[in-house]
């Protein structure tokens, strides 16, 4: 089953959202640790991004099964780095 890992930067808590629970019309999720709610606009963007990746992976599987193409799977990971930790050297 597909899911997203979410981290709340208000409290540092981490939690997971399962794809079957993701819909534009749903209330944005709350952090189960501090109860802060995700912004509605960001929630809609997250749902769109998730379903875009799901569609790409579905097509990878379909083209592999139907046409014998190489099988791939896309995964997106984002790592937050605090701006003060970034060092740019010339």
PDB file of N, CA and C in Angstrom:
ATOM      1  N   UNK A   1       0.847  -1.178   0.000  1.00  0.00           N
ATOM      2  CA  UNK A   1       0.000   0.000   0.000  1.00  0.00           C
ATOM      3  C   UNK A   1       0.892   1.242   0.000  1.00  0.00           C
ATOM      4  N   UNK A   2       0.518   2.221  -0.778  1.00  0.00           N
ATOM      5  CA  UNK A   2       1.299   3.449  -0.875  1.00  0.00           C
ATOM      6  C   UNK A   2       0.972   4.393   0.276  1.00  0.00           C
ATOM      7  N   UNK A   3       1.984   5.100   0.723  1.00  0.00           N
ATOM      8  CA  UNK A   3       1.779   6.087   1.772  1.00  0.00           C
ATOM      9  C   UNK A   3       2.831   7.176   1.655  1.00  0.00           C
ATOM     10  N   UNK A   4       2.548   8.293   2.282  1.00  0.00           N
ATOM     11  CA  UNK A   4       3.483   9.409   2.335  1.00  0.00           C
ATOM     12  C   UNK A   4       3.984   9.566   3.757  1.00  0.00           C
ATOM     13  N   UNK A   5       5.251   9.870   3.894  1.00  0.00           N
ATOM     14  CA  UNK A   5       5.808  10.189   5.205  1.00  0.00           C
ATOM     15  C   UNK A   5       5.804  11.707   5.342  1.00  0.00           C
ATOM     16  N   UNK A   6       5.231  12.191   6.420  1.00  0.00           N
ATOM     17  CA  UNK A   6       5.097  13.628   6.654  1.00  0.00           C
ATOM     18  C   UNK A   6       5.858  13.986   7.927  1.00  0.00           C
ATOM     19  N   UNK A   7       6.543  15.130   7.900  1.00  0.00           N
ATOM     20  CA  UNK A   7       7.184  15.632   9.111  1.00  0.00           C
ATOM     21  C   UNK A   7       6.653  17.024   9.399  1.00  0.00           C
ATOM     22  N   UNK A   8       6.240  17.244  10.629  1.00  0.00           N
ATOM     23  CA  UNK A   8       5.767  18.547  11.089  1.00  0.00           C
ATOM     24  C   UNK A   8       6.970  19.320  11.619  1.00  0.00           C
ATOM     25  N   UNK A   9       7.243  20.471  11.044  1.00  0.00           N
ATOM     26  CA  UNK A   9       8.378  21.253  11.520  1.00  0.00           C
ATOM     27  C   UNK A   9       7.993  22.157  12.683  1.00  0.00           C
ATOM     28  N   UNK A  10       6.716  22.150  13.062  1.00  0.00           N
ATOM     29  CA  UNK A  10       6.315  22.876  14.268  1.00  0.00           C
ATOM     30  C   UNK A  10       6.822  22.135  15.506  1.00  0.00           C
ATOM     31  N   UNK A  11       6.587  20.806  15.531  1.00  0.00           N
ATOM     32  CA  UNK A  11       6.977  20.024  16.709  1.00  0.00           C
ATOM     33  C   UNK A  11       8.056  18.983  16.413  1.00  0.00           C
ATOM     34  N   UNK A  12       8.330  18.735  15.120  1.00  0.00           N
ATOM     35  CA  UNK A  12       9.314  17.723  14.756  1.00  0.00           C
ATOM     36  C   UNK A  12       8.730  16.323  14.631  1.00  0.00           C
ATOM     37  N   UNK A  13       7.428  16.189  14.887  1.00  0.00           N
ATOM     38  CA  UNK A  13       6.785  14.880  14.811  1.00  0.00           C
ATOM     39  C   UNK A  13       6.704  14.355  13.386  1.00  0.00           C
ATOM     40  N   UNK A  14       6.706  13.030  13.257  1.00  0.00           N
ATOM     41  CA  UNK A  14       6.594  12.376  11.954  1.00  0.00           C
ATOM     42  C   UNK A  14       5.379  11.463  11.976  1.00  0.00           C
ATOM     43  N   UNK A  15       4.706  11.378  10.811  1.00  0.00           N
ATOM     44  CA  UNK A  15       3.554  10.498  10.694  1.00  0.00           C
ATOM     45  C   UNK A  15       3.373  10.105   9.242  1.00  0.00           C
ATOM     46  N   UNK A  16       2.500   9.145   8.992  1.00  0.00           N
ATOM     47  CA  UNK A  16       2.271   8.637   7.643  1.00  0.00           C
ATOM     48  C   UNK A  16       0.828   8.862   7.226  1.00  0.00           C
ATOM     49  N   UNK A  17       0.640   9.128   5.930  1.00  0.00           N
ATOM     50  CA  UNK A  17      -0.690   9.232   5.330  1.00  0.00           C
ATOM     51  C   UNK A  17      -0.802   8.146   4.275  1.00  0.00           C
ATOM     52  N   UNK A  18      -1.836   7.348   4.352  1.00  0.00           N
ATOM     53  CA  UNK A  18      -2.044   6.291   3.370  1.00  0.00           C
ATOM     54  C   UNK A  18      -2.836   6.838   2.193  1.00  0.00           C
ATOM     55  N   UNK A  19      -2.518   6.365   1.000  1.00  0.00           N
ATOM     56  CA  UNK A  19      -3.106   6.918  -0.220  1.00  0.00           C
ATOM     57  C   UNK A  19      -4.622   6.822  -0.243  1.00  0.00           C
ATOM     58  N   UNK A  20      -5.184   5.804   0.353  1.00  0.00           N
ATOM     59  CA  UNK A  20      -6.645   5.678   0.321  1.00  0.00           C
ATOM     60  C   UNK A  20      -7.321   6.788   1.115  1.00  0.00           C
ATOM     61  N   UNK A  21      -6.561   7.498   1.942  1.00  0.00           N
ATOM     62  CA  UNK A  21      -7.109   8.579   2.757  1.00  0.00           C
ATOM     63  C   UNK A  21      -6.912   9.951   2.125  1.00  0.00           C
ATOM     64  N   UNK A  22      -6.384   9.998   0.906  1.00  0.00           N
ATOM     65  CA  UNK A  22      -6.047  11.288   0.303  1.00  0.00           C
ATOM     66  C   UNK A  22      -7.077  11.698  -0.737  1.00  0.00           C
ATOM     67  N   UNK A  23      -7.701  12.847  -0.501  1.00  0.00           N
ATOM     68  CA  UNK A  23      -8.691  13.380  -1.420  1.00  0.00           C
ATOM     69  C   UNK A  23      -8.701  14.897  -1.260  1.00  0.00           C
ATOM     70  N   UNK A  24      -8.825  15.622  -2.375  1.00  0.00           N
ATOM     71  CA  UNK A  24      -8.856  17.088  -2.319  1.00  0.00           C
ATOM     72  C   UNK A  24      -9.920  17.619  -1.368  1.00  0.00           C
ATOM     73  N   UNK A  25     -11.052  16.935  -1.309  1.00  0.00           N
ATOM     74  CA  UNK A  25     -12.176  17.433  -0.521  1.00  0.00           C
ATOM     75  C   UNK A  25     -12.052  17.145   0.973  1.00  0.00           C
ATOM     76  N   UNK A  26     -11.117  16.303   1.335  1.00  0.00           N
ATOM     77  CA  UNK A  26     -10.921  15.995   2.751  1.00  0.00           C
ATOM     78  C   UNK A  26     -10.314  17.186   3.478  1.00  0.00           C
ATOM     79  N   UNK A  27     -10.515  17.205   4.776  1.00  0.00           N
ATOM     80  CA  UNK A  27      -9.808  18.193   5.587  1.00  0.00           C
ATOM     81  C   UNK A  27      -8.323  17.866   5.530  1.00  0.00           C
ATOM     82  N   UNK A  28      -7.480  18.884   5.514  1.00  0.00           N
ATOM     83  CA  UNK A  28      -6.040  18.612   5.566  1.00  0.00           C
ATOM     84  C   UNK A  28      -5.702  17.856   6.850  1.00  0.00           C
ATOM     85  N   UNK A  29      -4.651  17.065   6.814  1.00  0.00           N
ATOM     86  CA  UNK A  29      -4.311  16.292   8.005  1.00  0.00           C
ATOM     87  C   UNK A  29      -3.765  17.161   9.133  1.00  0.00           C
ATOM     88  N   UNK A  30      -3.916  16.641  10.332  1.00  0.00           N
ATOM     89  CA  UNK A  30      -3.331  17.259  11.524  1.00  0.00           C
ATOM     90  C   UNK A  30      -2.151  16.415  11.968  1.00  0.00           C
ATOM     91  N   UNK A  31      -1.157  17.072  12.487  1.00  0.00           N
ATOM     92  CA  UNK A  31      -0.045  16.355  13.097  1.00  0.00           C
ATOM     93  C   UNK A  31      -0.596  15.648  14.336  1.00  0.00           C
ATOM     94  N   UNK A  32      -0.410  14.346  14.450  1.00  0.00           N
ATOM     95  CA  UNK A  32      -0.938  13.638  15.616  1.00  0.00           C
ATOM     96  C   UNK A  32      -0.200  13.970  16.912  1.00  0.00           C
ATOM     97  N   UNK A  33       0.932  14.654  16.796  1.00  0.00           N
ATOM     98  CA  UNK A  33       1.731  14.972  17.978  1.00  0.00           C
ATOM     99  C   UNK A  33       1.365  16.327  18.580  1.00  0.00           C
ATOM    100  N   UNK A  34       1.212  17.354  17.722  1.00  0.00           N
ATOM    101  CA  UNK A  34       0.928  18.701  18.236  1.00  0.00           C
ATOM    102  C   UNK A  34      -0.430  19.238  17.785  1.00  0.00           C
ATOM    103  N   UNK A  35      -1.101  18.501  16.898  1.00  0.00           N
ATOM    104  CA  UNK A  35      -2.439  18.827  16.389  1.00  0.00           C
ATOM    105  C   UNK A  35      -2.490  20.044  15.465  1.00  0.00           C
ATOM    106  N   UNK A  36      -1.335  20.517  14.977  1.00  0.00           N
ATOM    107  CA  UNK A  36      -1.336  21.589  13.976  1.00  0.00           C
ATOM    108  C   UNK A  36      -1.865  21.023  12.663  1.00  0.00           C
ATOM    109  N   UNK A  37      -2.688  21.815  11.952  1.00  0.00           N
ATOM    110  CA  UNK A  37      -3.277  21.355  10.699  1.00  0.00           C
ATOM    111  C   UNK A  37      -2.493  21.901   9.510  1.00  0.00           C
ATOM    112  N   UNK A  38      -2.335  21.061   8.494  1.00  0.00           N
ATOM    113  CA  UNK A  38      -1.688  21.474   7.257  1.00  0.00           C
ATOM    114  C   UNK A  38      -2.585  22.489   6.540  1.00  0.00           C
ATOM    115  N   UNK A  39      -1.978  23.467   5.904  1.00  0.00           N
ATOM    116  CA  UNK A  39      -2.706  24.463   5.129  1.00  0.00           C
ATOM    117  C   UNK A  39      -3.475  23.781   3.992  1.00  0.00           C
ATOM    118  N   UNK A  40      -4.706  24.224   3.725  1.00  0.00           N
ATOM    119  CA  UNK A  40      -5.568  23.595   2.712  1.00  0.00           C
ATOM    120  C   UNK A  40      -4.957  23.654   1.308  1.00  0.00           C
ATOM    121  N   UNK A  41      -4.359  24.787   0.951  1.00  0.00           N
ATOM    122  CA  UNK A  41      -3.731  24.911  -0.369  1.00  0.00           C
ATOM    123  C   UNK A  41      -2.577  23.926  -0.506  1.00  0.00           C
ATOM    124  N   UNK A  42      -1.770  23.808   0.536  1.00  0.00           N
ATOM    125  CA  UNK A  42      -0.647  22.868   0.500  1.00  0.00           C
ATOM    126  C   UNK A  42      -1.148  21.425   0.447  1.00  0.00           C
ATOM    127  N   UNK A  43      -2.246  21.143   1.140  1.00  0.00           N
ATOM    128  CA  UNK A  43      -2.844  19.808   1.098  1.00  0.00           C
ATOM    129  C   UNK A  43      -3.244  19.457  -0.338  1.00  0.00           C
ATOM    130  N   UNK A  44      -3.903  20.386  -1.027  1.00  0.00           N
ATOM    131  CA  UNK A  44      -4.320  20.121  -2.409  1.00  0.00           C
ATOM    132  C   UNK A  44      -3.109  19.883  -3.308  1.00  0.00           C
ATOM    133  N   UNK A  45      -2.056  20.655  -3.106  1.00  0.00           N
ATOM    134  CA  UNK A  45      -0.835  20.464  -3.897  1.00  0.00           C
ATOM    135  C   UNK A  45      -0.197  19.108  -3.606  1.00  0.00           C
ATOM    136  N   UNK A  46      -0.214  18.711  -2.354  1.00  0.00           N
ATOM    137  CA  UNK A  46       0.342  17.413  -1.975  1.00  0.00           C
ATOM    138  C   UNK A  46      -0.443  16.276  -2.616  1.00  0.00           C
ATOM    139  N   UNK A  47      -1.765  16.366  -2.598  1.00  0.00           N
ATOM    140  CA  UNK A  47      -2.603  15.335  -3.220  1.00  0.00           C
ATOM    141  C   UNK A  47      -2.312  15.268  -4.722  1.00  0.00           C
ATOM    142  N   UNK A  48      -2.229  16.428  -5.385  1.00  0.00           N
ATOM    143  CA  UNK A  48      -1.914  16.451  -6.818  1.00  0.00           C
ATOM    144  C   UNK A  48      -0.567  15.796  -7.102  1.00  0.00           C
ATOM    145  N   UNK A  49       0.441  16.149  -6.317  1.00  0.00           N
ATOM    146  CA  UNK A  49       1.780  15.592  -6.525  1.00  0.00           C
ATOM    147  C   UNK A  49       1.776  14.084  -6.316  1.00  0.00           C
ATOM    148  N   UNK A  50       1.097  13.634  -5.276  1.00  0.00           N
ATOM    149  CA  UNK A  50       1.043  12.194  -5.007  1.00  0.00           C
ATOM    150  C   UNK A  50       0.407  11.454  -6.180  1.00  0.00           C
ATOM    151  N   UNK A  51      -0.745  11.938  -6.652  1.00  0.00           N
ATOM    152  CA  UNK A  51      -1.436  11.222  -7.721  1.00  0.00           C
ATOM    153  C   UNK A  51      -0.699  11.310  -9.052  1.00  0.00           C
ATOM    154  N   UNK A  52       0.087  12.356  -9.265  1.00  0.00           N
ATOM    155  CA  UNK A  52       0.932  12.420 -10.460  1.00  0.00           C
ATOM    156  C   UNK A  52       1.962  11.300 -10.424  1.00  0.00           C
ATOM    157  N   UNK A  53       2.624  11.120  -9.285  1.00  0.00           N
ATOM    158  CA  UNK A  53       3.596  10.035  -9.153  1.00  0.00           C
ATOM    159  C   UNK A  53       2.923   8.675  -9.274  1.00  0.00           C
ATOM    160  N   UNK A  54       1.755   8.523  -8.679  1.00  0.00           N
ATOM    161  CA  UNK A  54       1.039   7.247  -8.757  1.00  0.00           C
ATOM    162  C   UNK A  54       0.704   6.913 -10.210  1.00  0.00           C
ATOM    163  N   UNK A  55       0.303   7.915 -10.986  1.00  0.00           N
ATOM    164  CA  UNK A  55      -0.037   7.697 -12.398  1.00  0.00           C
ATOM    165  C   UNK A  55       1.201   7.309 -13.207  1.00  0.00           C
ATOM    166  N   UNK A  56       2.320   7.961 -12.953  1.00  0.00           N
ATOM    167  CA  UNK A  56       3.568   7.620 -13.648  1.00  0.00           C
ATOM    168  C   UNK A  56       3.942   6.169 -13.361  1.00  0.00           C
ATOM    169  N   UNK A  57       3.886   5.769 -12.094  1.00  0.00           N
ATOM    170  CA  UNK A  57       4.247   4.396 -11.744  1.00  0.00           C
ATOM    171  C   UNK A  57       3.266   3.385 -12.320  1.00  0.00           C
ATOM    172  N   UNK A  58       1.994   3.744 -12.377  1.00  0.00           N
ATOM    173  CA  UNK A  58       0.994   2.864 -12.987  1.00  0.00           C
ATOM    174  C   UNK A  58       1.319   2.652 -14.469  1.00  0.00           C
ATOM    175  N   UNK A  59       1.712   3.729 -15.159  1.00  0.00           N
ATOM    176  CA  UNK A  59       2.063   3.613 -16.575  1.00  0.00           C
ATOM    177  C   UNK A  59       3.342   2.810 -16.782  1.00  0.00           C
ATOM    178  N   UNK A  60       4.318   2.958 -15.878  1.00  0.00           N
ATOM    179  CA  UNK A  60       5.518   2.115 -15.970  1.00  0.00           C
ATOM    180  C   UNK A  60       5.125   0.637 -15.953  1.00  0.00           C
ATOM    181  N   UNK A  61       4.261   0.262 -15.003  1.00  0.00           N
ATOM    182  CA  UNK A  61       3.836  -1.140 -14.902  1.00  0.00           C
ATOM    183  C   UNK A  61       3.038  -1.572 -16.128  1.00  0.00           C
ATOM    184  N   UNK A  62       2.133  -0.701 -16.589  1.00  0.00           N
ATOM    185  CA  UNK A  62       1.292  -1.029 -17.746  1.00  0.00           C
ATOM    186  C   UNK A  62       2.143  -1.240 -18.997  1.00  0.00           C
ATOM    187  N   UNK A  63       3.075  -0.327 -19.264  1.00  0.00           N
ATOM    188  CA  UNK A  63       3.904  -0.450 -20.464  1.00  0.00           C
ATOM    189  C   UNK A  63       4.827  -1.655 -20.376  1.00  0.00           C
ATOM    190  N   UNK A  64       5.240  -2.001 -19.176  1.00  0.00           N
ATOM    191  CA  UNK A  64       6.053  -3.211 -19.005  1.00  0.00           C
ATOM    192  C   UNK A  64       5.215  -4.446 -19.341  1.00  0.00           C
ATOM    193  N   UNK A  65       3.999  -4.505 -18.797  1.00  0.00           N
ATOM    194  CA  UNK A  65       3.130  -5.664 -19.037  1.00  0.00           C
ATOM    195  C   UNK A  65       2.662  -5.739 -20.487  1.00  0.00           C
ATOM    196  N   UNK A  66       2.251  -4.599 -21.059  1.00  0.00           N
ATOM    197  CA  UNK A  66       1.680  -4.593 -22.410  1.00  0.00           C
ATOM    198  C   UNK A  66       2.722  -4.667 -23.521  1.00  0.00           C
ATOM    199  N   UNK A  67       3.855  -3.998 -23.329  1.00  0.00           N
ATOM    200  CA  UNK A  67       4.831  -3.868 -24.412  1.00  0.00           C
ATOM    201  C   UNK A  67       6.189  -4.492 -24.104  1.00  0.00           C
ATOM    202  N   UNK A  68       6.331  -5.011 -22.909  1.00  0.00           N
ATOM    203  CA  UNK A  68       7.611  -5.606 -22.544  1.00  0.00           C
ATOM    204  C   UNK A  68       8.712  -4.592 -22.297  1.00  0.00           C
ATOM    205  N   UNK A  69       8.330  -3.335 -22.046  1.00  0.00           N
ATOM    206  CA  UNK A  69       9.340  -2.306 -21.781  1.00  0.00           C
ATOM    207  C   UNK A  69       9.993  -2.551 -20.426  1.00  0.00           C
ATOM    208  N   UNK A  70      11.165  -1.959 -20.250  1.00  0.00           N
ATOM    209  CA  UNK A  70      11.866  -2.077 -18.973  1.00  0.00           C
ATOM    210  C   UNK A  70      10.967  -1.553 -17.852  1.00  0.00           C
ATOM    211  N   UNK A  71      11.075  -2.169 -16.701  1.00  0.00           N
ATOM    212  CA  UNK A  71      10.223  -1.788 -15.573  1.00  0.00           C
ATOM    213  C   UNK A  71      10.968  -0.830 -14.655  1.00  0.00           C
ATOM    214  N   UNK A  72      10.320   0.285 -14.353  1.00  0.00           N
ATOM    215  CA  UNK A  72      10.878   1.290 -13.451  1.00  0.00           C
ATOM    216  C   UNK A  72       9.828   1.662 -12.418  1.00  0.00           C
ATOM    217  N   UNK A  73      10.275   2.318 -11.363  1.00  0.00           N
ATOM    218  CA  UNK A  73       9.361   2.911 -10.387  1.00  0.00           C
ATOM    219  C   UNK A  73       9.993   4.202  -9.906  1.00  0.00           C
ATOM    220  N   UNK A  74       9.213   5.268  -9.874  1.00  0.00           N
ATOM    221  CA  UNK A  74       9.703   6.568  -9.418  1.00  0.00           C
ATOM    222  C   UNK A  74       9.347   6.763  -7.951  1.00  0.00           C
ATOM    223  N   UNK A  75      10.267   7.356  -7.228  1.00  0.00           N
ATOM    224  CA  UNK A  75      10.033   7.682  -5.822  1.00  0.00           C
ATOM    225  C   UNK A  75      10.608   9.061  -5.575  1.00  0.00           C
ATOM    226  N   UNK A  76       9.900   9.862  -4.817  1.00  0.00           N
ATOM    227  CA  UNK A  76      10.348  11.217  -4.532  1.00  0.00           C
ATOM    228  C   UNK A  76      10.683  11.325  -3.057  1.00  0.00           C
ATOM    229  N   UNK A  77      11.859  11.825  -2.774  1.00  0.00           N
ATOM    230  CA  UNK A  77      12.253  12.085  -1.386  1.00  0.00           C
ATOM    231  C   UNK A  77      12.767  13.507  -1.308  1.00  0.00           C
ATOM    232  N   UNK A  78      12.361  14.187  -0.283  1.00  0.00           N
ATOM    233  CA  UNK A  78      12.770  15.570  -0.092  1.00  0.00           C
ATOM    234  C   UNK A  78      13.377  15.689   1.297  1.00  0.00           C
ATOM    235  N   UNK A  79      14.543  16.264   1.367  1.00  0.00           N
ATOM    236  CA  UNK A  79      15.203  16.430   2.648  1.00  0.00           C
ATOM    237  C   UNK A  79      15.331  17.912   2.952  1.00  0.00           C
ATOM    238  N   UNK A  80      14.819  18.308   4.082  1.00  0.00           N
ATOM    239  CA  UNK A  80      14.864  19.707   4.490  1.00  0.00           C
ATOM    240  C   UNK A  80      16.202  19.994   5.156  1.00  0.00           C
ATOM    241  N   UNK A  81      16.850  21.031   4.693  1.00  0.00           N
ATOM    242  CA  UNK A  81      18.095  21.477   5.304  1.00  0.00           C
ATOM    243  C   UNK A  81      17.880  22.921   5.721  1.00  0.00           C
ATOM    244  N   UNK A  82      18.121  23.205   6.992  1.00  0.00           N
ATOM    245  CA  UNK A  82      17.952  24.568   7.482  1.00  0.00           C
ATOM    246  C   UNK A  82      18.897  25.496   6.731  1.00  0.00           C
ATOM    247  N   UNK A  83      18.403  26.683   6.319  1.00  0.00           N
ATOM    248  CA  UNK A  83      19.234  27.599   5.526  1.00  0.00           C
ATOM    249  C   UNK A  83      20.576  27.927   6.173  1.00  0.00           C
ATOM    250  N   UNK A  84      20.615  28.017   7.486  1.00  0.00           N
ATOM    251  CA  UNK A  84      21.884  28.365   8.140  1.00  0.00           C
ATOM    252  C   UNK A  84      22.907  27.225   8.071  1.00  0.00           C
ATOM    253  N   UNK A  85      22.470  26.027   7.694  1.00  0.00           N
ATOM    254  CA  UNK A  85      23.377  24.885   7.572  1.00  0.00           C
ATOM    255  C   UNK A  85      23.992  24.782   6.172  1.00  0.00           C
ATOM    256  N   UNK A  86      23.475  25.565   5.223  1.00  0.00           N
ATOM    257  CA  UNK A  86      23.972  25.505   3.847  1.00  0.00           C
ATOM    258  C   UNK A  86      25.203  26.391   3.716  1.00  0.00           C
ATOM    259  N   UNK A  87      26.280  25.809   3.240  1.00  0.00           N
ATOM    260  CA  UNK A  87      27.525  26.547   3.039  1.00  0.00           C
ATOM    261  C   UNK A  87      27.858  26.484   1.556  1.00  0.00           C
ATOM    262  N   UNK A  88      28.004  27.644   0.947  1.00  0.00           N
ATOM    263  CA  UNK A  88      28.362  27.707  -0.470  1.00  0.00           C
ATOM    264  C   UNK A  88      29.805  28.178  -0.559  1.00  0.00           C
ATOM    265  N   UNK A  89      30.629  27.337  -1.153  1.00  0.00           N
ATOM    266  CA  UNK A  89      32.045  27.676  -1.299  1.00  0.00           C
ATOM    267  C   UNK A  89      32.331  28.014  -2.749  1.00  0.00           C
ATOM    268  N   UNK A  90      33.183  29.007  -2.955  1.00  0.00           N
ATOM    269  CA  UNK A  90      33.571  29.390  -4.321  1.00  0.00           C
ATOM    270  C   UNK A  90      34.715  28.543  -4.812  1.00  0.00           C
TER     271      UNK A  90
END
